[in-house]
PDB file of N, CA and C in Angstrom:
ATOM      1  N   MET A   1     157.731 113.609-165.833  1.00  0.00           N
ATOM      2  CA  MET A   1     158.602 113.355-166.956  1.00  0.00           C
ATOM      3  C   MET A   1     159.410 112.081-166.765  1.00  0.00           C
ATOM      4  N   ILE A   2     159.900 111.849-165.578  1.00  0.00           N
ATOM      5  CA  ILE A   2     160.752 110.684-165.345  1.00  0.00           C
ATOM      6  C   ILE A   2     159.929 109.401-165.148  1.00  0.00           C
ATOM      7  N   MET A   3     158.689 109.532-164.693  1.00  0.00           N
ATOM      8  CA  MET A   3     157.874 108.354-164.412  1.00  0.00           C
ATOM      9  C   MET A   3     157.580 107.511-165.669  1.00  0.00           C
ATOM     10  N   PRO A   4     157.210 108.108-166.816  1.00  0.00           N
ATOM     11  CA  PRO A   4     156.982 107.272-168.010  1.00  0.00           C
ATOM     12  C   PRO A   4     158.237 106.514-168.451  1.00  0.00           C
ATOM     13  N   VAL A   5     159.393 107.114-168.297  1.00  0.00           N
ATOM     14  CA  VAL A   5     160.638 106.452-168.677  1.00  0.00           C
ATOM     15  C   VAL A   5     160.888 105.256-167.758  1.00  0.00           C
ATOM     16  N   VAL A   6     160.647 105.420-166.482  1.00  0.00           N
ATOM     17  CA  VAL A   6     160.828 104.331-165.521  1.00  0.00           C
ATOM     18  C   VAL A   6     159.865 103.194-165.827  1.00  0.00           C
ATOM     19  N   VAL A   7     158.619 103.533-166.138  1.00  0.00           N
ATOM     20  CA  VAL A   7     157.619 102.503-166.455  1.00  0.00           C
ATOM     21  C   VAL A   7     158.019 101.748-167.719  1.00  0.00           C
ATOM     22  N   MET A   8     158.514 102.457-168.734  1.00  0.00           N
ATOM     23  CA  MET A   8     158.948 101.793-169.964  1.00  0.00           C
ATOM     24  C   MET A   8     160.134 100.866-169.715  1.00  0.00           C
ATOM     25  N   ILE A   9     161.078 101.312-168.912  1.00  0.00           N
ATOM     26  CA  ILE A   9     162.244 100.477-168.606  1.00  0.00           C
ATOM     27  C   ILE A   9     161.817  99.241-167.831  1.00  0.00           C
ATOM     28  N   LEU A  10     160.912  99.411-166.878  1.00  0.00           N
ATOM     29  CA  LEU A  10     160.416  98.246-166.122  1.00  0.00           C
ATOM     30  C   LEU A  10     159.662  97.278-167.025  1.00  0.00           C
ATOM     31  N   ALA A  11     158.825  97.801-167.918  1.00  0.00           N
ATOM     32  CA  ALA A  11     158.080  96.931-168.834  1.00  0.00           C
ATOM     33  C   ALA A  11     159.031  96.187-169.765  1.00  0.00           C
ATOM     34  N   PHE A  12     160.056  96.848-170.239  1.00  0.00           N
ATOM     35  CA  PHE A  12     161.042  96.212-171.100  1.00  0.00           C
ATOM     36  C   PHE A  12     161.791  95.118-170.337  1.00  0.00           C
ATOM     37  N   GLY A  13     162.157  95.398-169.098  1.00  0.00           N
ATOM     38  CA  GLY A  13     162.840  94.402-168.268  1.00  0.00           C
ATOM     39  C   GLY A  13     161.977  93.178-168.008  1.00  0.00           C
ATOM     40  N   VAL A  14     160.700  93.397-167.739  1.00  0.00           N
ATOM     41  CA  VAL A  14     159.778  92.273-167.514  1.00  0.00           C
ATOM     42  C   VAL A  14     159.626  91.454-168.792  1.00  0.00           C
ATOM     43  N   SER A  15     159.583  92.123-169.945  1.00  0.00           N
ATOM     44  CA  SER A  15     159.508  91.399-171.220  1.00  0.00           C
ATOM     45  C   SER A  15     160.737  90.523-171.431  1.00  0.00           C
ATOM     46  N   LEU A  16     161.903  91.039-171.117  1.00  0.00           N
ATOM     47  CA  LEU A  16     163.125  90.257-171.278  1.00  0.00           C
ATOM     48  C   LEU A  16     163.169  89.067-170.325  1.00  0.00           C
ATOM     49  N   ILE A  17     162.695  89.256-169.109  1.00  0.00           N
ATOM     50  CA  ILE A  17     162.631  88.141-168.158  1.00  0.00           C
ATOM     51  C   ILE A  17     161.644  87.085-168.652  1.00  0.00           C
ATOM     52  N   SER A  18     160.541  87.519-169.213  1.00  0.00           N
ATOM     53  CA  SER A  18     159.552  86.590-169.762  1.00  0.00           C
ATOM     54  C   SER A  18     160.129  85.789-170.924  1.00  0.00           C
ATOM     55  N   ILE A  19     160.912  86.440-171.766  1.00  0.00           N
ATOM     56  CA  ILE A  19     161.545  85.746-172.890  1.00  0.00           C
ATOM     57  C   ILE A  19     162.516  84.692-172.385  1.00  0.00           C
ATOM     58  N   GLN A  20     163.296  85.034-171.378  1.00  0.00           N
ATOM     59  CA  GLN A  20     164.257  84.068-170.828  1.00  0.00           C
ATOM     60  C   GLN A  20     163.525  82.882-170.195  1.00  0.00           C
ATOM     61  N   ALA A  21     162.420  83.144-169.506  1.00  0.00           N
ATOM     62  CA  ALA A  21     161.642  82.053-168.916  1.00  0.00           C
ATOM     63  C   ALA A  21     161.067  81.146-170.007  1.00  0.00           C
ATOM     64  N   SER A  22     160.618  81.739-171.100  1.00  0.00           N
ATOM     65  CA  SER A  22     160.110  80.936-172.224  1.00  0.00           C
ATOM     66  C   SER A  22     161.214  80.093-172.839  1.00  0.00           C
ATOM     67  N   ARG A  23     162.396  80.657-172.931  1.00  0.00           N
ATOM     68  CA  ARG A  23     163.538  79.911-173.481  1.00  0.00           C
ATOM     69  C   ARG A  23     163.883  78.713-172.604  1.00  0.00           C
ATOM     70  N   ILE A  24     163.849  78.890-171.311  1.00  0.00           N
ATOM     71  CA  ILE A  24     164.134  77.784-170.395  1.00  0.00           C
ATOM     72  C   ILE A  24     163.076  76.694-170.538  1.00  0.00           C
ATOM     73  N   GLN A  25     161.812  77.086-170.713  1.00  0.00           N
ATOM     74  CA  GLN A  25     160.755  76.095-170.941  1.00  0.00           C
ATOM     75  C   GLN A  25     160.977  75.347-172.244  1.00  0.00           C
ATOM     76  N   LEU A  26     161.399  76.053-173.288  1.00  0.00           N
ATOM     77  CA  LEU A  26     161.675  75.390-174.564  1.00  0.00           C
ATOM     78  C   LEU A  26     162.798  74.370-174.423  1.00  0.00           C
ATOM     79  N   ILE A  27     163.830  74.725-173.668  1.00  0.00           N
ATOM     80  CA  ILE A  27     164.933  73.788-173.437  1.00  0.00           C
ATOM     81  C   ILE A  27     164.411  72.532-172.749  1.00  0.00           C
ATOM     82  N   GLU A  28     163.588  72.716-171.724  1.00  0.00           N
ATOM     83  CA  GLU A  28     163.038  71.573-170.990  1.00  0.00           C
ATOM     84  C   GLU A  28     162.146  70.716-171.879  1.00  0.00           C
ATOM     85  N   HIS A  29     161.268  71.352-172.647  1.00  0.00           N
ATOM     86  CA  HIS A  29     160.358  70.597-173.518  1.00  0.00           C
ATOM     87  C   HIS A  29     161.125  69.840-174.596  1.00  0.00           C
ATOM     88  N   ALA A  30     162.133  70.472-175.183  1.00  0.00           N
ATOM     89  CA  ALA A  30     162.913  69.800-176.222  1.00  0.00           C
ATOM     90  C   ALA A  30     163.670  68.605-175.654  1.00  0.00           C
ATOM     91  N   ALA A  31     164.210  68.747-174.450  1.00  0.00           N
ATOM     92  CA  ALA A  31     164.930  67.627-173.825  1.00  0.00           C
ATOM     93  C   ALA A  31     163.981  66.478-173.502  1.00  0.00           C
ATOM     94  N   VAL A  32     162.816  66.787-172.953  1.00  0.00           N
ATOM     95  CA  VAL A  32     161.829  65.745-172.634  1.00  0.00           C
ATOM     96  C   VAL A  32     161.382  65.038-173.904  1.00  0.00           C
ATOM     97  N   ALA A  33     161.113  65.814-174.955  1.00  0.00           N
ATOM     98  CA  ALA A  33     160.640  65.224-176.205  1.00  0.00           C
ATOM     99  C   ALA A  33     161.710  64.346-176.850  1.00  0.00           C
ATOM    100  N   SER A  34     162.949  64.789-176.856  1.00  0.00           N
ATOM    101  CA  SER A  34     163.999  63.978-177.493  1.00  0.00           C
ATOM    102  C   SER A  34     164.235  62.682-176.726  1.00  0.00           C
ATOM    103  N   ARG A  35     164.201  62.744-175.396  1.00  0.00           N
ATOM    104  CA  ARG A  35     164.366  61.509-174.611  1.00  0.00           C
ATOM    105  C   ARG A  35     163.194  60.559-174.826  1.00  0.00           C
ATOM    106  N   ALA A  36     161.987  61.105-174.917  1.00  0.00           N
ATOM    107  CA  ALA A  36     160.808  60.258-175.136  1.00  0.00           C
ATOM    108  C   ALA A  36     160.879  59.571-176.497  1.00  0.00           C
ATOM    109  N   LEU A  37     161.258  60.305-177.520  1.00  0.00           N
ATOM    110  CA  LEU A  37     161.386  59.695-178.851  1.00  0.00           C
ATOM    111  C   LEU A  37     162.494  58.656-178.880  1.00  0.00           C
ATOM    112  N   ALA A  38     163.580  58.898-178.167  1.00  0.00           N
ATOM    113  CA  ALA A  38     164.677  57.933-178.115  1.00  0.00           C
ATOM    114  C   ALA A  38     164.242  56.646-177.421  1.00  0.00           C
ATOM    115  N   ARG A  39     163.323  56.752-176.465  1.00  0.00           N
ATOM    116  CA  ARG A  39     162.799  55.555-175.783  1.00  0.00           C
ATOM    117  C   ARG A  39     161.814  54.781-176.651  1.00  0.00           C
ATOM    118  N   GLY A  40     161.328  55.415-177.715  1.00  0.00           N
ATOM    119  CA  GLY A  40     160.425  54.716-178.619  1.00  0.00           C
ATOM    120  C   GLY A  40     158.999  55.228-178.615  1.00  0.00           C
ATOM    121  N   GLU A  41     158.720  56.302-177.931  1.00  0.00           N
ATOM    122  CA  GLU A  41     157.368  56.863-177.964  1.00  0.00           C
ATOM    123  C   GLU A  41     157.122  57.504-179.325  1.00  0.00           C
ATOM    124  N   SER A  42     155.861  57.629-179.689  1.00  0.00           N
ATOM    125  CA  SER A  42     155.524  58.154-181.011  1.00  0.00           C
ATOM    126  C   SER A  42     155.367  59.673-180.982  1.00  0.00           C
ATOM    127  N   GLU A  43     155.435  60.262-182.171  1.00  0.00           N
ATOM    128  CA  GLU A  43     155.243  61.714-182.276  1.00  0.00           C
ATOM    129  C   GLU A  43     153.825  62.108-181.895  1.00  0.00           C
ATOM    130  N   ALA A  44     152.859  61.226-182.143  1.00  0.00           N
ATOM    131  CA  ALA A  44     151.463  61.515-181.779  1.00  0.00           C
ATOM    132  C   ALA A  44     151.319  61.668-180.268  1.00  0.00           C
ATOM    133  N   GLU A  45     152.028  60.820-179.513  1.00  0.00           N
ATOM    134  CA  GLU A  45     151.989  60.938-178.052  1.00  0.00           C
ATOM    135  C   GLU A  45     152.603  62.262-177.592  1.00  0.00           C
ATOM    136  N   LEU A  46     153.660  62.678-178.257  1.00  0.00           N
ATOM    137  CA  LEU A  46     154.281  63.957-177.916  1.00  0.00           C
ATOM    138  C   LEU A  46     153.362  65.127-178.245  1.00  0.00           C
ATOM    139  N   LEU A  47     152.706  65.053-179.403  1.00  0.00           N
ATOM    140  CA  LEU A  47     151.755  66.104-179.757  1.00  0.00           C
ATOM    141  C   LEU A  47     150.671  66.229-178.700  1.00  0.00           C
ATOM    142  N   GLN A  48     150.169  65.092-178.220  1.00  0.00           N
ATOM    143  CA  GLN A  48     149.140  65.102-177.184  1.00  0.00           C
ATOM    144  C   GLN A  48     149.685  65.689-175.882  1.00  0.00           C
ATOM    145  N   LEU A  49     150.902  65.325-175.518  1.00  0.00           N
ATOM    146  CA  LEU A  49     151.513  65.829-174.291  1.00  0.00           C
ATOM    147  C   LEU A  49     151.637  67.347-174.313  1.00  0.00           C
ATOM    148  N   PHE A  50     152.136  67.887-175.405  1.00  0.00           N
ATOM    149  CA  PHE A  50     152.345  69.323-175.470  1.00  0.00           C
ATOM    150  C   PHE A  50     151.074  70.085-175.798  1.00  0.00           C
ATOM    151  N   ALA A  51     150.091  69.428-176.423  1.00  0.00           N
ATOM    152  CA  ALA A  51     148.801  70.077-176.651  1.00  0.00           C
ATOM    153  C   ALA A  51     148.072  70.264-175.329  1.00  0.00           C
ATOM    154  N   ASP A  52     148.254  69.324-174.404  1.00  0.00           N
ATOM    155  CA  ASP A  52     147.619  69.443-173.088  1.00  0.00           C
ATOM    156  C   ASP A  52     148.136  70.646-172.316  1.00  0.00           C
ATOM    157  N   GLN A  53     149.342  71.082-172.619  1.00  0.00           N
ATOM    158  CA  GLN A  53     149.932  72.210-171.904  1.00  0.00           C
ATOM    159  C   GLN A  53     149.590  73.551-172.551  1.00  0.00           C
ATOM    160  N   ASN A  54     148.750  73.518-173.596  1.00  0.00           N
ATOM    161  CA  ASN A  54     148.295  74.724-174.287  1.00  0.00           C
ATOM    162  C   ASN A  54     149.444  75.622-174.744  1.00  0.00           C
ATOM    163  N   ARG A  55     150.496  75.024-175.221  1.00  0.00           N
ATOM    164  CA  ARG A  55     151.637  75.791-175.716  1.00  0.00           C
ATOM    165  C   ARG A  55     151.460  76.035-177.220  1.00  0.00           C
ATOM    166  N   ILE A  56     151.837  77.204-177.643  1.00  0.00           N
ATOM    167  CA  ILE A  56     151.782  77.521-179.061  1.00  0.00           C
ATOM    168  C   ILE A  56     153.200  77.402-179.615  1.00  0.00           C
ATOM    169  N   ALA A  57     153.787  76.255-179.417  1.00  0.00           N
ATOM    170  CA  ALA A  57     155.155  76.012-179.889  1.00  0.00           C
ATOM    171  C   ALA A  57     155.102  74.966-180.991  1.00  0.00           C
ATOM    172  N   ASN A  58     155.939  75.161-181.983  1.00  0.00           N
ATOM    173  CA  ASN A  58     156.072  74.190-183.060  1.00  0.00           C
ATOM    174  C   ASN A  58     157.291  73.334-182.779  1.00  0.00           C
ATOM    175  N   PHE A  59     157.193  72.057-183.121  1.00  0.00           N
ATOM    176  CA  PHE A  59     158.386  71.234-182.964  1.00  0.00           C
ATOM    177  C   PHE A  59     158.612  70.365-184.186  1.00  0.00           C
ATOM    178  N   ASP A  60     159.884  70.163-184.483  1.00  0.00           N
ATOM    179  CA  ASP A  60     160.319  69.339-185.599  1.00  0.00           C
ATOM    180  C   ASP A  60     161.214  68.235-185.062  1.00  0.00           C
ATOM    181  N   VAL A  61     161.082  67.058-185.639  1.00  0.00           N
ATOM    182  CA  VAL A  61     161.932  65.931-185.265  1.00  0.00           C
ATOM    183  C   VAL A  61     162.958  65.729-186.366  1.00  0.00           C
ATOM    184  N   ILE A  62     164.220  65.649-185.969  1.00  0.00           N
ATOM    185  CA  ILE A  62     165.318  65.498-186.906  1.00  0.00           C
ATOM    186  C   ILE A  62     166.085  64.229-186.543  1.00  0.00           C
ATOM    187  N   GLN A  63     166.227  63.331-187.497  1.00  0.00           N
ATOM    188  CA  GLN A  63     166.959  62.082-187.291  1.00  0.00           C
ATOM    189  C   GLN A  63     168.377  62.262-187.787  1.00  0.00           C
ATOM    190  N   GLU A  64     169.357  62.058-186.911  1.00  0.00           N
ATOM    191  CA  GLU A  64     170.770  62.178-187.280  1.00  0.00           C
ATOM    192  C   GLU A  64     171.512  60.933-186.809  1.00  0.00           C
ATOM    193  N   LYS A  65     171.912  60.095-187.739  1.00  0.00           N
ATOM    194  CA  LYS A  65     172.637  58.861-187.441  1.00  0.00           C
ATOM    195  C   LYS A  65     172.109  58.176-186.186  1.00  0.00           C
ATOM    196  N   ASP A  66     172.838  58.254-185.074  1.00  0.00           N
ATOM    197  CA  ASP A  66     172.450  57.575-183.841  1.00  0.00           C
ATOM    198  C   ASP A  66     171.632  58.453-182.902  1.00  0.00           C
ATOM    199  N   PHE A  67     171.272  59.637-183.340  1.00  0.00           N
ATOM    200  CA  PHE A  67     170.594  60.595-182.470  1.00  0.00           C
ATOM    201  C   PHE A  67     169.231  60.987-183.015  1.00  0.00           C
ATOM    202  N   ILE A  68     168.342  61.301-182.109  1.00  0.00           N
ATOM    203  CA  ILE A  68     167.057  61.904-182.445  1.00  0.00           C
ATOM    204  C   ILE A  68     167.074  63.296-181.839  1.00  0.00           C
ATOM    205  N   CYS A  69     166.882  64.299-182.680  1.00  0.00           N
ATOM    206  CA  CYS A  69     166.893  65.686-182.222  1.00  0.00           C
ATOM    207  C   CYS A  69     165.498  66.276-182.376  1.00  0.00           C
ATOM    208  N   VAL A  70     165.130  67.105-181.427  1.00  0.00           N
ATOM    209  CA  VAL A  70     163.848  67.797-181.456  1.00  0.00           C
ATOM    210  C   VAL A  70     164.132  69.287-181.364  1.00  0.00           C
ATOM    211  N   ARG A  71     163.506  70.032-182.263  1.00  0.00           N
ATOM    212  CA  ARG A  71     163.676  71.482-182.266  1.00  0.00           C
ATOM    213  C   ARG A  71     162.330  72.138-181.992  1.00  0.00           C
ATOM    214  N   PHE A  72     162.260  72.914-180.931  1.00  0.00           N
ATOM    215  CA  PHE A  72     161.071  73.678-180.585  1.00  0.00           C
ATOM    216  C   PHE A  72     161.290  75.121-180.998  1.00  0.00           C
ATOM    217  N   SER A  73     160.244  75.761-181.489  1.00  0.00           N
ATOM    218  CA  SER A  73     160.338  77.175-181.830  1.00  0.00           C
ATOM    219  C   SER A  73     159.041  77.879-181.430  1.00  0.00           C
ATOM    220  N   ILE A  74     159.188  79.137-181.061  1.00  0.00           N
ATOM    221  CA  ILE A  74     158.045  79.932-180.619  1.00  0.00           C
ATOM    222  C   ILE A  74     158.328  81.401-180.926  1.00  0.00           C
ATOM    223  N   GLU A  75     157.275  82.155-181.150  1.00  0.00           N
ATOM    224  CA  GLU A  75     157.379  83.608-181.338  1.00  0.00           C
ATOM    225  C   GLU A  75     157.005  84.285-180.023  1.00  0.00           C
ATOM    226  N   LYS A  76     157.834  85.211-179.572  1.00  0.00           N
ATOM    227  CA  LYS A  76     157.569  85.969-178.348  1.00  0.00           C
ATOM    228  C   LYS A  76     157.589  87.448-178.669  1.00  0.00           C
ATOM    229  N   LYS A  77     156.724  88.194-178.018  1.00  0.00           N
ATOM    230  CA  LYS A  77     156.651  89.637-178.226  1.00  0.00           C
ATOM    231  C   LYS A  77     157.516  90.356-177.202  1.00  0.00           C
ATOM    232  N   ILE A  78     158.317  91.291-177.693  1.00  0.00           N
ATOM    233  CA  ILE A  78     159.120  92.140-176.815  1.00  0.00           C
ATOM    234  C   ILE A  78     158.424  93.484-176.720  1.00  0.00           C
ATOM    235  N   PHE A  79     157.701  93.677-175.677  1.00  0.00           N
ATOM    236  CA  PHE A  79     156.995  94.914-175.358  1.00  0.00           C
ATOM    237  C   PHE A  79     156.578  95.645-176.631  1.00  0.00           C
ATOM    238  N   TRP A  80     157.095  96.787-176.942  1.00  0.00           N
ATOM    239  CA  TRP A  80     156.697  97.554-178.113  1.00  0.00           C
ATOM    240  C   TRP A  80     157.650  97.368-179.293  1.00  0.00           C
ATOM    241  N   LEU A  81     158.718  96.636-179.100  1.00  0.00           N
ATOM    242  CA  LEU A  81     159.743  96.518-180.139  1.00  0.00           C
ATOM    243  C   LEU A  81     159.414  95.509-181.229  1.00  0.00           C
ATOM    244  N   GLY A  82     158.535  94.587-180.986  1.00  0.00           N
ATOM    245  CA  GLY A  82     158.193  93.592-181.992  1.00  0.00           C
ATOM    246  C   GLY A  82     158.315  92.176-181.457  1.00  0.00           C
ATOM    247  N   ASN A  83     158.484  91.245-182.366  1.00  0.00           N
ATOM    248  CA  ASN A  83     158.547  89.824-182.015  1.00  0.00           C
ATOM    249  C   ASN A  83     159.969  89.294-182.150  1.00  0.00           C
ATOM    250  N   ILE A  84     160.232  88.254-181.383  1.00  0.00           N
ATOM    251  CA  ILE A  84     161.507  87.555-181.474  1.00  0.00           C
ATOM    252  C   ILE A  84     161.196  86.072-181.638  1.00  0.00           C
ATOM    253  N   HIS A  85     161.968  85.417-182.467  1.00  0.00           N
ATOM    254  CA  HIS A  85     161.776  83.990-182.736  1.00  0.00           C
ATOM    255  C   HIS A  85     162.770  83.205-181.885  1.00  0.00           C
ATOM    256  N   LEU A  86     162.259  82.370-180.986  1.00  0.00           N
ATOM    257  CA  LEU A  86     163.110  81.554-180.118  1.00  0.00           C
ATOM    258  C   LEU A  86     163.144  80.125-180.634  1.00  0.00           C
ATOM    259  N   ASN A  87     164.336  79.564-180.733  1.00  0.00           N
ATOM    260  CA  ASN A  87     164.545  78.174-181.153  1.00  0.00           C
ATOM    261  C   ASN A  87     165.367  77.453-180.093  1.00  0.00           C
ATOM    262  N   GLU A  88     165.035  76.211-179.872  1.00  0.00           N
ATOM    263  CA  GLU A  88     165.870  75.384-179.005  1.00  0.00           C
ATOM    264  C   GLU A  88     165.895  73.978-179.565  1.00  0.00           C
ATOM    265  N   ARG A  89     167.078  73.379-179.567  1.00  0.00           N
ATOM    266  CA  ARG A  89     167.246  72.039-180.112  1.00  0.00           C
ATOM    267  C   ARG A  89     167.984  71.179-179.094  1.00  0.00           C
ATOM    268  N   GLN A  90     167.439  69.995-178.831  1.00  0.00           N
ATOM    269  CA  GLN A  90     168.057  69.028-177.924  1.00  0.00           C
ATOM    270  C   GLN A  90     168.079  67.671-178.624  1.00  0.00           C
ATOM    271  N   CYS A  91     169.119  66.911-178.376  1.00  0.00           N
ATOM    272  CA  CYS A  91     169.279  65.591-179.002  1.00  0.00           C
ATOM    273  C   CYS A  91     169.462  64.513-177.940  1.00  0.00           C
ATOM    274  N   SER A  92     169.019  63.308-178.271  1.00  0.00           N
ATOM    275  CA  SER A  92     169.218  62.139-177.413  1.00  0.00           C
ATOM    276  C   SER A  92     169.646  60.967-178.279  1.00  0.00           C
ATOM    277  N   ARG A  93     170.461  60.132-177.723  1.00  0.00           N
ATOM    278  CA  ARG A  93     170.919  58.937-178.447  1.00  0.00           C
ATOM    279  C   ARG A  93     169.800  57.911-178.449  1.00  0.00           C
ATOM    280  N   ASN A  94     169.605  57.272-179.603  1.00  0.00           N
ATOM    281  CA  ASN A  94     168.611  56.218-179.693  1.00  0.00           C
ATOM    282  C   ASN A  94     168.942  55.125-178.695  1.00  0.00           C
ATOM    283  N   SER A  95     167.982  54.712-177.892  1.00  0.00           N
ATOM    284  CA  SER A  95     168.263  53.741-176.834  1.00  0.00           C
ATOM    285  C   SER A  95     168.462  52.337-177.379  1.00  0.00           C
ATOM    286  N   GLY A  96     168.017  52.059-178.592  1.00  0.00           N
ATOM    287  CA  GLY A  96     168.175  50.727-179.145  1.00  0.00           C
ATOM    288  C   GLY A  96     169.521  50.486-179.781  1.00  0.00           C
ATOM    289  N   LEU A  97     170.394  51.496-179.759  1.00  0.00           N
ATOM    290  CA  LEU A  97     171.683  51.346-180.435  1.00  0.00           C
ATOM    291  C   LEU A  97     172.781  50.956-179.486  1.00  0.00           C
TER     292      LEU A  97
END
């Protein structure tokens, strides 16, 4: 009786750790992408970079005055509870300004 409950709690905990690890990756990818765009690299180069990593993440580029912001988003599954939508946004100052 107690073993299925323990297994479910462990599976839920592993799912939450996986979500946090994905969030940290999104933060890193968004920061790298925003710095690259601020240096003058093209969006096509970024698409190629992230396509090579086989990530199923969507990213949007947002231009704000002196900043270039990149927003990454991904859907993650939480064990049996469903999906969660993760978003991360990082900005960098345009280097030519």
